[in-house]
N, C-alpha and C. Protein backbone atom coordinates (compact mmCIF):
# COMPACT_ATOMS: atom_id res chain seq x y z
N MET A 1 10.82 -0.88 14.93
CA MET A 1 9.71 -0.11 15.72
C MET A 1 11.03 1.45 15.43
N SER A 2 10.63 2.14 14.81
CA SER A 2 11.26 3.33 14.17
C SER A 2 12.24 3.84 15.54
N SER A 3 13.06 4.68 15.23
CA SER A 3 14.01 5.48 16.36
C SER A 3 13.38 6.60 15.95
N LEU A 4 12.65 7.03 15.06
CA LEU A 4 12.32 8.33 14.83
C LEU A 4 10.69 8.68 15.48
N GLN A 5 10.62 10.05 15.86
CA GLN A 5 9.55 10.60 16.09
C GLN A 5 7.92 10.35 15.39
N THR A 6 7.15 10.22 15.40
CA THR A 6 6.19 9.78 14.71
C THR A 6 5.83 11.64 13.95
N TYR A 7 6.00 12.53 14.35
CA TYR A 7 5.82 13.69 13.55
C TYR A 7 6.99 14.13 12.44
N GLN A 8 8.31 13.41 13.09
CA GLN A 8 9.21 13.40 12.39
C GLN A 8 9.21 12.18 10.75
N THR A 9 8.93 11.27 10.99
CA THR A 9 7.81 10.49 10.26
C THR A 9 7.16 10.82 9.65
N ALA A 10 6.25 11.97 10.01
CA ALA A 10 4.97 11.91 9.14
C ALA A 10 5.70 13.51 8.27
N LEU A 11 6.43 14.07 8.99
CA LEU A 11 7.26 15.36 7.70
C LEU A 11 8.08 14.46 6.84
N ILE A 12 8.85 13.61 6.91
CA ILE A 12 9.58 12.96 5.95
C ILE A 12 8.53 12.38 4.63
N GLU A 13 7.19 11.77 5.54
CA GLU A 13 6.92 11.43 4.39
C GLU A 13 5.68 12.56 3.55
N HIS A 14 5.07 13.14 4.09
CA HIS A 14 4.62 14.08 3.68
C HIS A 14 5.00 15.19 2.48
N SER A 15 6.33 15.34 3.44
CA SER A 15 7.44 16.20 1.84
C SER A 15 7.23 15.46 0.87
N MET A 16 7.82 14.47 1.15
CA MET A 16 8.35 13.18 0.03
C MET A 16 6.89 13.11 -0.72
N ALA A 17 5.91 13.04 -0.74
CA ALA A 17 4.59 12.72 -1.33
C ALA A 17 4.39 14.31 -1.93
N ALA A 18 4.53 15.24 -1.38
CA ALA A 18 4.27 16.70 -1.83
C ALA A 18 5.38 17.25 -2.87
N GLY A 19 6.15 16.17 -3.08
CA GLY A 19 7.19 16.61 -4.03
C GLY A 19 8.48 17.76 -3.43
N ALA A 20 8.05 17.83 -1.99
CA ALA A 20 9.22 19.24 -1.53
C ALA A 20 10.24 18.15 -1.06
N LEU A 21 10.58 17.06 -0.86
CA LEU A 21 11.81 16.62 -0.35
C LEU A 21 11.86 15.51 -1.81
N LYS A 22 13.30 15.42 -1.98
CA LYS A 22 13.42 14.40 -3.43
C LYS A 22 15.50 13.91 -3.42
N PHE A 23 14.90 12.86 -3.48
CA PHE A 23 16.86 12.51 -3.37
C PHE A 23 17.37 11.98 -4.69
N GLY A 24 18.09 12.24 -5.23
CA GLY A 24 18.80 12.35 -6.23
C GLY A 24 19.97 12.95 -6.61
N SER A 25 20.12 13.70 -7.50
CA SER A 25 21.03 14.62 -7.46
C SER A 25 20.70 16.42 -7.67
N PHE A 26 21.13 16.94 -6.79
CA PHE A 26 20.88 18.60 -6.82
C PHE A 26 22.09 19.72 -6.67
N THR A 27 22.30 20.49 -7.32
CA THR A 27 22.99 21.52 -7.84
C THR A 27 22.91 22.44 -6.62
N LEU A 28 23.39 22.73 -5.38
CA LEU A 28 23.00 23.68 -4.49
C LEU A 28 23.75 24.82 -4.80
N LYS A 29 23.43 26.29 -4.15
CA LYS A 29 23.81 27.40 -4.53
C LYS A 29 25.32 27.73 -4.50
N SER A 30 25.68 26.63 -3.45
CA SER A 30 27.35 26.67 -2.85
C SER A 30 28.07 25.82 -3.79
N GLY A 31 27.00 25.48 -5.08
CA GLY A 31 28.17 24.67 -5.96
C GLY A 31 28.22 22.99 -5.60
N ARG A 32 27.98 23.09 -4.06
CA ARG A 32 28.17 21.07 -4.32
C ARG A 32 26.81 20.89 -4.71
N ILE A 33 26.77 19.03 -5.48
CA ILE A 33 26.22 18.38 -5.61
C ILE A 33 25.63 16.82 -4.48
N SER A 34 24.25 17.74 -4.55
CA SER A 34 23.85 17.21 -3.03
C SER A 34 23.07 15.90 -3.42
N PRO A 35 22.61 14.79 -2.25
CA PRO A 35 22.11 14.14 -3.15
C PRO A 35 20.74 14.08 -2.25
N TYR A 36 20.08 15.04 -2.26
CA TYR A 36 18.54 15.05 -1.25
C TYR A 36 18.64 16.91 -1.54
N PHE A 37 17.12 17.08 -1.57
CA PHE A 37 17.19 18.76 -1.91
C PHE A 37 15.41 18.49 -1.45
N VAL A 38 15.75 20.14 -0.81
CA VAL A 38 13.92 20.18 0.38
C VAL A 38 13.44 21.58 -0.61
N ASN A 39 12.41 21.65 -0.79
CA ASN A 39 11.47 22.85 -0.95
C ASN A 39 10.79 23.50 -0.71
N ALA A 40 10.65 23.71 0.78
CA ALA A 40 9.36 24.46 1.38
C ALA A 40 8.39 24.86 1.05
N GLY A 41 8.49 25.65 -0.25
CA GLY A 41 7.12 26.12 -1.05
C GLY A 41 6.35 25.15 -1.59
N LEU A 42 6.45 23.88 -1.63
CA LEU A 42 5.80 23.07 -2.09
C LEU A 42 4.82 22.16 -1.36
N LEU A 43 5.41 22.67 0.31
CA LEU A 43 4.35 22.12 1.06
C LEU A 43 3.06 22.88 1.69
N ALA A 44 1.92 22.81 0.71
CA ALA A 44 1.27 23.74 0.49
C ALA A 44 -0.36 23.26 0.18
N SER A 45 -0.48 22.44 1.32
CA SER A 45 -2.11 22.15 1.19
C SER A 45 -2.44 21.66 2.34
N GLY A 46 -3.35 21.50 2.87
CA GLY A 46 -4.18 21.66 4.23
C GLY A 46 -3.43 20.29 5.23
N PRO A 47 -3.97 19.51 4.82
CA PRO A 47 -2.80 18.59 5.75
C PRO A 47 -1.64 18.59 5.84
N VAL A 48 -0.53 18.93 4.31
CA VAL A 48 0.72 19.17 4.82
C VAL A 48 1.14 20.15 5.90
N ILE A 49 0.54 21.20 5.30
CA ILE A 49 0.89 22.36 6.42
C ILE A 49 0.43 22.32 7.74
N ASP A 50 -0.62 20.96 8.16
CA ASP A 50 -1.25 20.48 9.32
C ASP A 50 0.14 19.78 9.99
N THR A 51 0.79 19.19 9.12
CA THR A 51 1.99 18.14 9.22
C THR A 51 2.77 19.10 9.78
N VAL A 52 3.76 20.19 9.27
CA VAL A 52 4.18 20.69 9.10
C VAL A 52 4.76 21.67 10.97
N CYS A 53 3.30 21.95 10.87
CA CYS A 53 3.09 22.99 11.47
C CYS A 53 2.99 22.23 12.83
N SER A 54 2.30 20.98 13.24
CA SER A 54 2.50 20.45 14.12
C SER A 54 4.02 19.86 14.63
N ALA A 55 4.96 19.39 13.56
CA ALA A 55 6.05 19.01 13.76
C ALA A 55 6.94 20.33 14.62
N TYR A 56 6.69 21.38 13.94
CA TYR A 56 7.47 22.94 14.55
C TYR A 56 7.03 22.73 15.93
N ALA A 57 5.47 22.84 16.19
CA ALA A 57 5.33 23.53 17.37
C ALA A 57 5.47 22.06 18.49
N ALA A 58 5.25 20.75 18.91
CA ALA A 58 5.67 20.28 19.37
C ALA A 58 7.21 20.29 19.53
N THR A 59 7.88 20.16 18.55
CA THR A 59 9.61 20.25 18.65
C THR A 59 9.63 22.11 19.62
N ILE A 60 9.10 22.65 19.64
CA ILE A 60 9.06 24.11 20.54
C ILE A 60 8.72 23.66 21.81
N ALA A 61 7.32 23.05 21.61
CA ALA A 61 7.39 22.47 23.31
C ALA A 61 8.09 22.02 24.11
N GLU A 62 8.67 20.90 22.94
CA GLU A 62 9.91 20.08 23.67
C GLU A 62 11.05 20.45 24.17
N SER A 63 11.34 21.60 23.44
CA SER A 63 12.73 22.51 23.86
C SER A 63 12.31 23.58 25.24
N LEU A 64 11.05 24.18 25.21
CA LEU A 64 10.51 24.79 26.41
C LEU A 64 10.88 24.13 27.75
N GLU A 65 10.36 22.74 27.45
CA GLU A 65 10.37 21.94 28.64
C GLU A 65 11.35 21.61 29.13
N ALA A 66 12.38 21.37 28.28
CA ALA A 66 13.69 21.12 28.38
C ALA A 66 14.53 22.45 29.39
N ALA A 67 14.19 23.51 28.74
CA ALA A 67 14.72 24.42 29.31
C ALA A 67 14.43 24.74 30.58
N ALA A 68 13.17 24.62 30.78
CA ALA A 68 12.58 24.45 32.29
C ALA A 68 12.92 23.55 33.01
N SER A 69 13.41 22.00 33.16
CA SER A 69 14.09 21.50 33.74
C SER A 69 15.21 21.53 33.79
N GLY A 70 15.92 22.91 32.99
CA GLY A 70 17.78 22.94 33.24
C GLY A 70 18.00 22.32 32.88
N SER A 71 17.44 21.63 31.30
CA SER A 71 18.60 21.52 30.01
C SER A 71 18.46 22.61 29.02
N PRO A 72 19.64 22.35 28.22
CA PRO A 72 19.69 23.49 26.90
C PRO A 72 18.39 23.47 26.48
N GLY A 73 17.68 24.52 25.81
CA GLY A 73 16.16 24.58 25.38
C GLY A 73 16.01 25.93 24.96
N LEU A 74 15.20 26.17 24.52
CA LEU A 74 14.19 27.82 24.20
C LEU A 74 13.93 28.64 25.42
N PRO A 75 14.60 29.37 25.77
CA PRO A 75 13.85 30.31 26.70
C PRO A 75 11.98 30.64 26.47
N ALA A 76 11.85 30.92 27.65
CA ALA A 76 10.40 31.52 26.73
C ALA A 76 10.33 32.71 26.26
N PHE A 77 9.35 32.90 24.94
CA PHE A 77 9.43 34.43 23.85
C PHE A 77 8.00 34.70 23.68
N ASP A 78 7.90 35.48 23.41
CA ASP A 78 6.47 36.38 22.95
C ASP A 78 6.22 36.27 21.53
N ILE A 79 6.83 36.52 20.57
CA ILE A 79 6.74 36.73 19.15
C ILE A 79 7.58 35.32 18.53
N LEU A 80 6.33 34.99 17.32
CA LEU A 80 7.40 33.99 16.73
C LEU A 80 7.32 34.54 15.32
N PHE A 81 8.74 34.32 14.68
CA PHE A 81 8.70 35.23 13.22
C PHE A 81 9.20 34.87 12.26
N GLY A 82 9.02 34.57 11.31
CA GLY A 82 8.25 33.53 9.93
C GLY A 82 8.48 34.87 8.95
N PRO A 83 9.89 34.82 8.35
CA PRO A 83 10.75 35.69 7.22
C PRO A 83 9.39 35.28 5.87
N ALA A 84 10.09 36.58 4.77
CA ALA A 84 9.19 36.07 3.50
C ALA A 84 9.90 35.68 2.80
N TYR A 85 9.09 34.80 2.09
CA TYR A 85 7.78 34.46 2.09
C TYR A 85 7.39 33.17 2.67
N LYS A 86 8.31 32.16 2.25
CA LYS A 86 7.97 30.37 3.31
C LYS A 86 7.70 30.52 4.39
N GLY A 87 8.52 31.60 5.17
CA GLY A 87 8.05 31.22 6.91
C GLY A 87 6.67 32.00 7.11
N ILE A 88 5.83 32.78 6.45
CA ILE A 88 4.75 33.21 6.58
C ILE A 88 3.94 32.15 6.87
N PRO A 89 2.98 31.06 6.11
CA PRO A 89 2.22 30.60 6.72
C PRO A 89 2.83 29.56 7.77
N PHE A 90 3.70 29.01 7.70
CA PHE A 90 4.54 28.30 8.87
C PHE A 90 4.67 28.81 10.51
N ALA A 91 5.03 30.28 10.16
CA ALA A 91 4.29 30.81 11.85
C ALA A 91 2.99 30.61 12.02
N ALA A 92 2.19 31.44 11.21
CA ALA A 92 1.03 31.52 11.57
C ALA A 92 0.27 30.08 11.87
N GLY A 93 0.67 29.05 11.41
CA GLY A 93 0.01 27.64 11.96
C GLY A 93 1.09 27.20 12.78
N THR A 94 1.96 27.47 13.19
CA THR A 94 2.66 27.08 14.55
C THR A 94 2.20 27.70 15.48
N ALA A 95 1.93 28.92 15.65
CA ALA A 95 1.35 29.81 16.82
C ALA A 95 0.20 29.19 16.94
N LEU A 96 -1.17 28.93 16.21
CA LEU A 96 -2.11 28.35 16.51
C LEU A 96 -1.90 27.28 16.78
N LEU A 97 -1.12 26.47 16.46
CA LEU A 97 -0.85 25.04 17.18
C LEU A 97 -0.50 24.98 18.12
N LEU A 98 0.72 25.77 18.54
CA LEU A 98 1.20 25.80 19.91
C LEU A 98 0.03 26.35 20.89
N HIS A 99 -0.92 27.00 20.43
CA HIS A 99 -2.30 27.47 21.89
C HIS A 99 -3.25 26.15 21.67
N ARG A 100 -3.56 25.73 20.49
CA ARG A 100 -4.51 24.78 20.60
C ARG A 100 -3.89 23.58 21.43
N ASP A 101 -2.67 22.95 21.00
CA ASP A 101 -2.12 21.74 21.10
C ASP A 101 -1.68 21.68 22.47
N HIS A 102 -0.93 22.80 22.53
CA HIS A 102 0.29 22.71 24.04
C HIS A 102 -0.09 24.08 24.95
N LYS A 103 -0.91 24.76 24.96
CA LYS A 103 -1.56 25.84 25.97
C LYS A 103 -0.45 26.88 25.83
N ILE A 104 0.58 26.96 24.66
CA ILE A 104 1.71 28.00 25.01
C ILE A 104 0.94 29.51 23.34
N ASP A 105 0.62 30.53 24.39
CA ASP A 105 0.06 32.00 23.71
C ASP A 105 1.18 32.45 23.42
N VAL A 106 1.54 32.66 21.70
CA VAL A 106 2.41 33.69 21.73
C VAL A 106 1.73 34.95 20.14
N GLY A 107 1.81 35.44 20.10
CA GLY A 107 1.83 36.16 18.82
C GLY A 107 2.83 35.57 17.40
N TYR A 108 2.51 36.33 16.39
CA TYR A 108 3.29 36.17 15.03
C TYR A 108 3.59 37.50 14.29
N ALA A 109 4.76 37.20 13.33
CA ALA A 109 4.95 38.51 12.61
C ALA A 109 5.70 37.99 11.91
N TYR A 110 5.56 38.87 10.46
CA TYR A 110 6.76 38.67 9.47
C TYR A 110 6.80 39.68 8.54
N ASP A 111 7.85 39.93 7.69
CA ASP A 111 8.25 40.81 6.99
C ASP A 111 7.41 40.80 5.92
N ARG A 112 7.88 41.82 5.19
CA ARG A 112 7.95 42.12 3.81
C ARG A 112 9.40 41.77 2.93
N LYS A 113 8.93 41.20 1.80
CA LYS A 113 10.45 41.83 1.17
C LYS A 113 10.78 43.41 0.43
N GLU A 114 9.94 43.97 0.57
CA GLU A 114 10.11 45.72 -0.10
C GLU A 114 8.72 46.69 0.94
N ALA A 115 9.25 47.24 1.74
CA ALA A 115 8.85 48.18 2.59
C ALA A 115 8.04 49.07 1.76
N LYS A 116 6.71 48.92 2.92
CA LYS A 116 5.90 49.22 2.76
C LYS A 116 5.55 51.36 2.42
N ASP A 117 5.42 51.98 1.76
CA ASP A 117 5.25 53.25 1.56
C ASP A 117 3.94 54.35 2.03
N HIS A 118 2.91 53.93 1.80
CA HIS A 118 1.52 53.78 2.58
C HIS A 118 1.08 53.27 3.48
N GLY A 119 -0.30 53.74 4.26
CA GLY A 119 -0.71 53.27 5.48
C GLY A 119 -0.07 53.14 6.58
N GLU A 120 0.23 52.10 6.90
CA GLU A 120 0.84 52.41 8.60
C GLU A 120 2.85 51.95 7.51
N GLY A 121 2.65 51.78 6.79
CA GLY A 121 4.11 51.85 6.31
C GLY A 121 4.74 50.53 6.94
N GLY A 122 6.83 51.01 6.62
CA GLY A 122 7.66 49.83 7.12
C GLY A 122 7.20 48.22 6.64
N VAL A 123 8.13 47.41 7.24
CA VAL A 123 8.57 45.90 6.14
C VAL A 123 8.03 44.93 7.34
N MET A 124 7.67 45.42 8.45
CA MET A 124 7.03 43.97 9.59
C MET A 124 5.39 44.31 9.44
N VAL A 125 4.96 43.28 9.56
CA VAL A 125 3.55 42.94 9.68
C VAL A 125 3.07 41.96 10.97
N GLY A 126 1.87 42.56 11.26
CA GLY A 126 1.67 41.49 12.64
C GLY A 126 1.71 41.97 13.74
N ALA A 127 2.29 41.01 14.84
CA ALA A 127 2.30 41.41 16.73
C ALA A 127 4.00 41.82 16.67
N PRO A 128 3.92 43.63 17.32
CA PRO A 128 4.65 44.36 17.32
C PRO A 128 6.24 43.08 17.76
N VAL A 129 7.50 43.47 16.96
CA VAL A 129 7.96 42.97 18.13
C VAL A 129 9.35 43.94 18.80
N LYS A 130 9.10 45.02 18.94
CA LYS A 130 9.59 45.86 19.30
C LYS A 130 9.55 45.72 20.93
N GLY A 131 10.86 45.36 21.83
CA GLY A 131 10.66 45.02 23.34
C GLY A 131 10.18 43.93 23.38
N LYS A 132 10.37 42.93 22.52
CA LYS A 132 9.74 41.37 22.84
C LYS A 132 10.55 40.35 22.34
N LYS A 133 10.71 39.31 23.10
CA LYS A 133 11.27 38.36 23.05
C LYS A 133 11.13 37.63 21.44
N VAL A 134 11.91 37.02 20.79
CA VAL A 134 11.35 36.73 19.26
C VAL A 134 11.73 35.22 19.16
N LEU A 135 11.32 34.36 18.45
CA LEU A 135 11.61 33.37 18.12
C LEU A 135 11.81 32.99 16.50
N VAL A 136 12.86 33.02 16.13
CA VAL A 136 12.87 33.10 14.46
C VAL A 136 12.35 31.51 13.53
N LEU A 137 11.69 31.92 12.70
CA LEU A 137 11.51 30.27 12.22
C LEU A 137 12.03 30.02 10.82
N ASP A 138 12.78 28.72 10.53
CA ASP A 138 13.26 29.02 9.51
C ASP A 138 13.28 27.48 8.96
N ASP A 139 13.04 27.12 7.76
CA ASP A 139 13.06 25.87 6.92
C ASP A 139 14.30 25.26 6.84
N VAL A 140 15.42 25.66 5.97
CA VAL A 140 16.35 24.31 5.82
C VAL A 140 17.23 25.47 6.11
N ALA A 141 18.72 24.98 6.63
CA ALA A 141 19.69 25.93 7.34
C ALA A 141 20.82 24.86 6.43
N THR A 142 21.54 25.38 5.55
CA THR A 142 23.15 24.98 5.42
C THR A 142 23.97 25.70 5.89
N ALA A 143 24.38 26.85 5.62
CA ALA A 143 25.34 27.66 6.39
C ALA A 143 24.77 28.63 7.26
N GLY A 144 23.41 28.86 7.50
CA GLY A 144 22.26 29.64 8.55
C GLY A 144 22.81 31.05 7.94
N THR A 145 22.82 31.30 6.75
CA THR A 145 22.65 32.74 6.09
C THR A 145 21.33 33.24 6.44
N ALA A 146 20.39 32.49 6.33
CA ALA A 146 19.15 32.89 6.00
C ALA A 146 18.53 33.47 7.99
N ILE A 147 18.99 32.82 8.52
CA ILE A 147 18.85 33.02 9.86
C ILE A 147 19.58 33.69 10.36
N ARG A 148 20.69 34.37 10.05
CA ARG A 148 21.63 35.56 10.73
C ARG A 148 21.05 36.89 9.91
N ILE A 149 19.96 36.66 8.80
CA ILE A 149 19.44 37.45 7.87
C ILE A 149 18.27 38.32 9.04
N ALA A 150 17.70 37.26 9.47
CA ALA A 150 15.84 37.51 10.14
C ALA A 150 16.58 37.76 11.51
N ILE A 151 17.52 37.13 11.65
CA ILE A 151 17.86 38.26 13.25
C ILE A 151 18.26 39.52 13.25
N GLU A 152 18.77 39.77 12.13
CA GLU A 152 19.09 41.37 12.08
C GLU A 152 18.09 41.79 11.94
N ASN A 153 16.91 41.58 11.20
CA ASN A 153 16.04 42.60 10.72
C ASN A 153 15.17 42.04 11.99
N VAL A 154 15.12 41.38 12.80
CA VAL A 154 14.39 41.67 14.21
C VAL A 154 15.16 42.38 14.85
N ARG A 155 16.29 42.64 15.21
CA ARG A 155 17.04 43.31 15.63
C ARG A 155 16.81 44.33 15.31
N LYS A 156 16.84 45.58 14.25
CA LYS A 156 16.50 46.21 13.57
C LYS A 156 15.27 47.09 14.06
N GLU A 157 14.10 46.78 14.11
CA GLU A 157 12.83 46.78 14.61
C GLU A 157 12.85 46.74 16.14
N GLY A 158 13.54 46.28 17.13
CA GLY A 158 13.93 46.27 18.17
C GLY A 158 13.48 45.56 19.24
N GLY A 159 13.54 43.95 18.52
CA GLY A 159 13.32 42.47 18.90
C GLY A 159 14.10 42.39 19.14
N GLU A 160 14.67 41.46 20.35
CA GLU A 160 15.02 40.63 20.99
C GLU A 160 14.99 39.33 20.18
N VAL A 161 16.04 38.55 19.67
CA VAL A 161 15.62 37.57 19.36
C VAL A 161 16.78 36.33 20.19
N VAL A 162 15.71 35.42 20.77
CA VAL A 162 16.02 34.26 21.71
C VAL A 162 16.24 33.13 21.46
N GLY A 163 16.58 32.41 20.32
CA GLY A 163 16.56 31.33 19.32
C GLY A 163 15.82 31.23 18.22
N ALA A 164 15.73 30.07 17.74
CA ALA A 164 15.04 30.00 16.17
C ALA A 164 14.74 28.60 16.02
N ILE A 165 13.93 28.47 15.09
CA ILE A 165 13.25 26.85 14.97
C ILE A 165 13.77 26.16 13.59
N LEU A 166 13.78 25.13 13.58
CA LEU A 166 14.77 25.08 11.93
C LEU A 166 13.39 23.67 11.57
N MET A 167 13.39 23.63 10.76
CA MET A 167 12.36 21.86 10.21
C MET A 167 13.59 21.40 9.80
N LEU A 168 14.57 21.68 8.90
CA LEU A 168 15.70 20.75 8.78
C LEU A 168 17.71 21.89 8.82
N ASP A 169 18.27 20.87 9.21
CA ASP A 169 19.26 21.02 9.51
C ASP A 169 20.27 20.19 8.44
N ARG A 170 21.19 20.63 7.65
CA ARG A 170 21.76 19.81 6.91
C ARG A 170 22.94 19.07 7.16
N GLU A 171 23.23 19.65 9.17
CA GLU A 171 24.49 19.36 9.09
C GLU A 171 25.75 19.60 8.53
N GLU A 172 25.90 20.30 7.86
CA GLU A 172 27.44 21.11 7.16
C GLU A 172 27.97 22.23 7.76
N VAL A 173 29.39 22.15 7.87
CA VAL A 173 30.11 22.98 7.94
C VAL A 173 29.84 24.48 7.67
N GLY A 174 29.58 25.22 8.52
CA GLY A 174 29.19 26.66 8.29
C GLY A 174 30.93 27.60 8.13
N LYS A 175 30.07 28.53 7.77
CA LYS A 175 31.59 29.81 7.58
C LYS A 175 32.87 30.19 8.26
N GLU A 176 32.86 29.48 9.69
CA GLU A 176 33.82 28.86 10.58
C GLU A 176 34.45 27.55 10.45
N GLY A 177 33.86 27.22 9.48
CA GLY A 177 34.67 25.36 9.45
C GLY A 177 33.96 24.77 10.42
N THR A 178 33.31 25.09 11.58
CA THR A 178 32.48 23.76 12.25
C THR A 178 30.86 24.12 12.10
N SER A 179 29.75 23.59 12.96
CA SER A 179 29.03 23.58 12.99
C SER A 179 27.74 24.96 12.48
N ALA A 180 26.94 25.24 11.52
CA ALA A 180 26.60 26.44 11.23
C ALA A 180 25.40 27.01 12.55
N ILE A 181 24.99 25.49 12.78
CA ILE A 181 24.06 25.94 14.06
C ILE A 181 24.76 26.32 14.84
N GLU A 182 25.94 25.41 15.33
CA GLU A 182 26.36 25.77 16.86
C GLU A 182 27.12 27.23 16.24
N GLU A 183 27.12 27.67 15.08
CA GLU A 183 27.57 29.10 14.90
C GLU A 183 26.78 29.92 15.69
N VAL A 184 25.44 29.86 15.16
CA VAL A 184 23.92 30.49 15.58
C VAL A 184 23.68 30.31 16.73
N GLU A 185 23.54 29.13 17.57
CA GLU A 185 23.42 29.77 18.80
C GLU A 185 24.07 30.27 19.73
N LYS A 186 25.68 30.57 19.21
CA LYS A 186 26.65 31.42 19.81
C LYS A 186 26.00 32.52 20.19
N LEU A 187 25.78 33.32 18.66
CA LEU A 187 24.94 34.30 18.53
C LEU A 187 23.90 34.37 19.18
N LEU A 188 23.02 33.79 19.75
CA LEU A 188 21.83 33.35 20.33
C LEU A 188 21.68 33.23 21.94
N GLY A 189 22.90 33.11 22.85
CA GLY A 189 23.20 32.57 23.95
C GLY A 189 23.64 31.51 24.35
N GLY A 190 23.80 30.48 23.07
CA GLY A 190 24.62 29.05 23.95
C GLY A 190 23.57 27.53 23.56
N PRO A 191 23.94 26.62 23.82
CA PRO A 191 23.70 25.40 22.90
C PRO A 191 22.04 25.38 23.71
N GLY A 192 20.93 24.95 22.54
CA GLY A 192 20.26 24.87 23.16
C GLY A 192 19.04 25.54 22.25
N ARG A 193 19.49 26.62 21.62
CA ARG A 193 19.03 28.06 21.29
C ARG A 193 17.98 28.05 19.82
N VAL A 194 18.59 26.75 18.62
CA VAL A 194 18.09 26.26 17.51
C VAL A 194 17.80 24.95 17.85
N PRO A 195 16.79 24.47 18.54
CA PRO A 195 16.16 23.24 18.09
C PRO A 195 15.84 23.08 16.42
N THR A 196 15.80 21.83 16.27
CA THR A 196 15.67 21.26 14.74
C THR A 196 14.45 20.34 14.87
N ILE A 197 13.62 20.20 13.98
CA ILE A 197 12.64 18.94 13.43
C ILE A 197 13.48 17.92 13.35
N LEU A 198 14.34 18.15 12.08
CA LEU A 198 14.84 17.16 10.90
C LEU A 198 16.25 17.34 10.78
N LYS A 199 17.44 16.37 11.10
CA LYS A 199 18.74 16.64 10.92
C LYS A 199 18.75 15.74 9.77
N MET A 200 20.07 15.89 9.16
CA MET A 200 20.32 14.50 7.47
C MET A 200 20.12 13.29 8.28
N ARG A 201 20.68 13.47 9.70
CA ARG A 201 20.66 11.76 10.11
C ARG A 201 19.19 11.52 10.17
N HIS A 202 18.66 11.90 10.28
CA HIS A 202 17.24 11.14 10.76
C HIS A 202 16.73 11.09 9.14
N LEU A 203 16.96 11.83 8.28
CA LEU A 203 16.60 11.43 6.68
C LEU A 203 17.04 10.36 6.25
N MET A 204 18.69 9.46 6.75
CA MET A 204 19.50 8.69 6.46
C MET A 204 19.04 7.64 7.45
N THR A 205 18.27 7.71 8.98
CA THR A 205 17.63 6.66 9.34
C THR A 205 16.68 6.35 8.52
N TRP A 206 15.68 7.32 8.31
CA TRP A 206 14.32 6.94 7.89
C TRP A 206 14.85 5.87 6.58
N LEU A 207 15.82 6.54 5.77
CA LEU A 207 16.21 5.75 4.36
C LEU A 207 16.63 4.40 4.72
N GLU A 208 16.76 4.25 5.75
CA GLU A 208 17.46 2.68 6.04
C GLU A 208 16.48 2.12 6.70
N GLU A 209 15.56 2.51 7.27
CA GLU A 209 14.06 1.46 7.82
C GLU A 209 13.70 1.33 6.75
N ASN A 210 13.65 2.37 5.66
CA ASN A 210 12.42 1.79 4.61
C ASN A 210 13.79 1.03 3.28
N GLY A 211 14.74 0.61 3.31
CA GLY A 211 15.73 0.01 2.73
C GLY A 211 16.33 0.08 1.75
N ARG A 212 16.14 1.59 1.33
CA ARG A 212 16.57 2.26 0.59
C ARG A 212 17.86 2.23 0.43
N HIS A 213 18.71 1.52 0.20
CA HIS A 213 20.03 1.40 0.23
C HIS A 213 21.23 1.95 -0.30
N ALA A 214 20.57 2.12 -1.71
CA ALA A 214 21.07 3.41 -2.73
C ALA A 214 21.26 4.70 -1.96
N GLU A 215 19.84 5.11 -1.60
CA GLU A 215 19.87 6.52 -1.39
C GLU A 215 20.87 6.99 -0.16
N LEU A 216 20.67 5.68 0.39
CA LEU A 216 22.00 5.78 1.92
C LEU A 216 22.85 6.15 1.57
N GLN A 217 23.77 5.29 0.34
CA GLN A 217 25.24 5.33 0.39
C GLN A 217 25.27 7.04 -0.21
N SER A 218 24.52 7.24 -0.91
CA SER A 218 24.33 8.41 -1.33
C SER A 218 25.08 9.27 -0.52
N MET A 219 23.95 9.74 0.94
CA MET A 219 23.83 10.59 1.55
C MET A 219 25.30 10.67 2.86
N GLN A 220 25.30 9.38 2.75
CA GLN A 220 26.70 8.86 3.97
C GLN A 220 27.77 9.40 2.73
N ALA A 221 28.24 8.81 1.72
CA ALA A 221 29.00 9.76 0.90
C ALA A 221 29.21 11.73 1.17
N TYR A 222 28.12 12.03 1.14
CA TYR A 222 28.23 13.29 1.30
C TYR A 222 28.24 13.88 2.07
N ARG A 223 28.00 13.39 3.92
CA ARG A 223 28.29 13.34 5.03
C ARG A 223 29.56 13.04 5.52
N ASP A 224 30.16 12.55 5.14
CA ASP A 224 31.92 12.20 5.25
C ASP A 224 32.44 13.40 4.07
N MET A 225 31.99 14.15 3.14
CA MET A 225 32.73 14.64 2.53
C MET A 225 32.15 16.53 3.24
N TYR A 226 30.90 16.86 3.30
CA TYR A 226 30.85 17.79 3.78
C TYR A 226 29.98 18.26 5.65
N GLY A 227 30.01 17.11 6.17
CA GLY A 227 29.07 17.11 7.27
C GLY A 227 30.10 17.67 8.15
N VAL A 228 29.44 17.59 9.31
CA VAL A 228 29.85 18.26 11.08
C VAL A 228 30.56 16.88 11.37
N LYS A 229 31.62 17.11 11.34
CA LYS A 229 32.15 16.11 12.18
C LYS A 229 32.00 15.46 13.75
N GLY A 230 31.54 14.68 14.00
CA GLY A 230 31.28 14.10 15.11
C GLY A 230 29.71 14.37 14.96
N ALA A 231 28.80 14.34 14.23
CA ALA A 231 27.21 14.38 14.19
C ALA A 231 26.76 13.53 14.52
């Protein structure tokens, strides 16, 4: 029996089938040579969006429940914010599934890459974030840079960012030489504020359970070199 949650396994396998998750050799923006790569832009069909957003919604619901019981987790929030462009469909789909499957009703918003100079103007679209508690949705985090930018953008519009939800945490060290996610959690109020559907360790578990030992060895070597110690 797999140690992974059903939605974690489904997300890994759907992502591989769509070509969004690949194992091999890939040069990252940082210059590091990674044994795997994720392109969330390829998660672009009805069944895949269903799988992705179901996983986001389940992870959010679990984190809210944990916080309500006194454990580290997300506080209640009003708006789910999906940064342009990849975050837009994920935020919309997740808001829908939070309502349908978990009876959690929130609005969703997203930004534009360029400010609109006619009509209502501005860079924000969707539910207003001013004066609201906001959860930022992101896909993959290595150094946490994209999350930090999204947090700043929401704050400029008067929203209070109370957490972030991730599809994948690469579990690599951040700017301060510690976990990038822990660094972001400090900005947002402490442990549990950045729940994640998948971590690098989950990908390694899936590889081990499916007998893909060569790829697993490459993942372990990369983790030994760049991974968060003790993760």
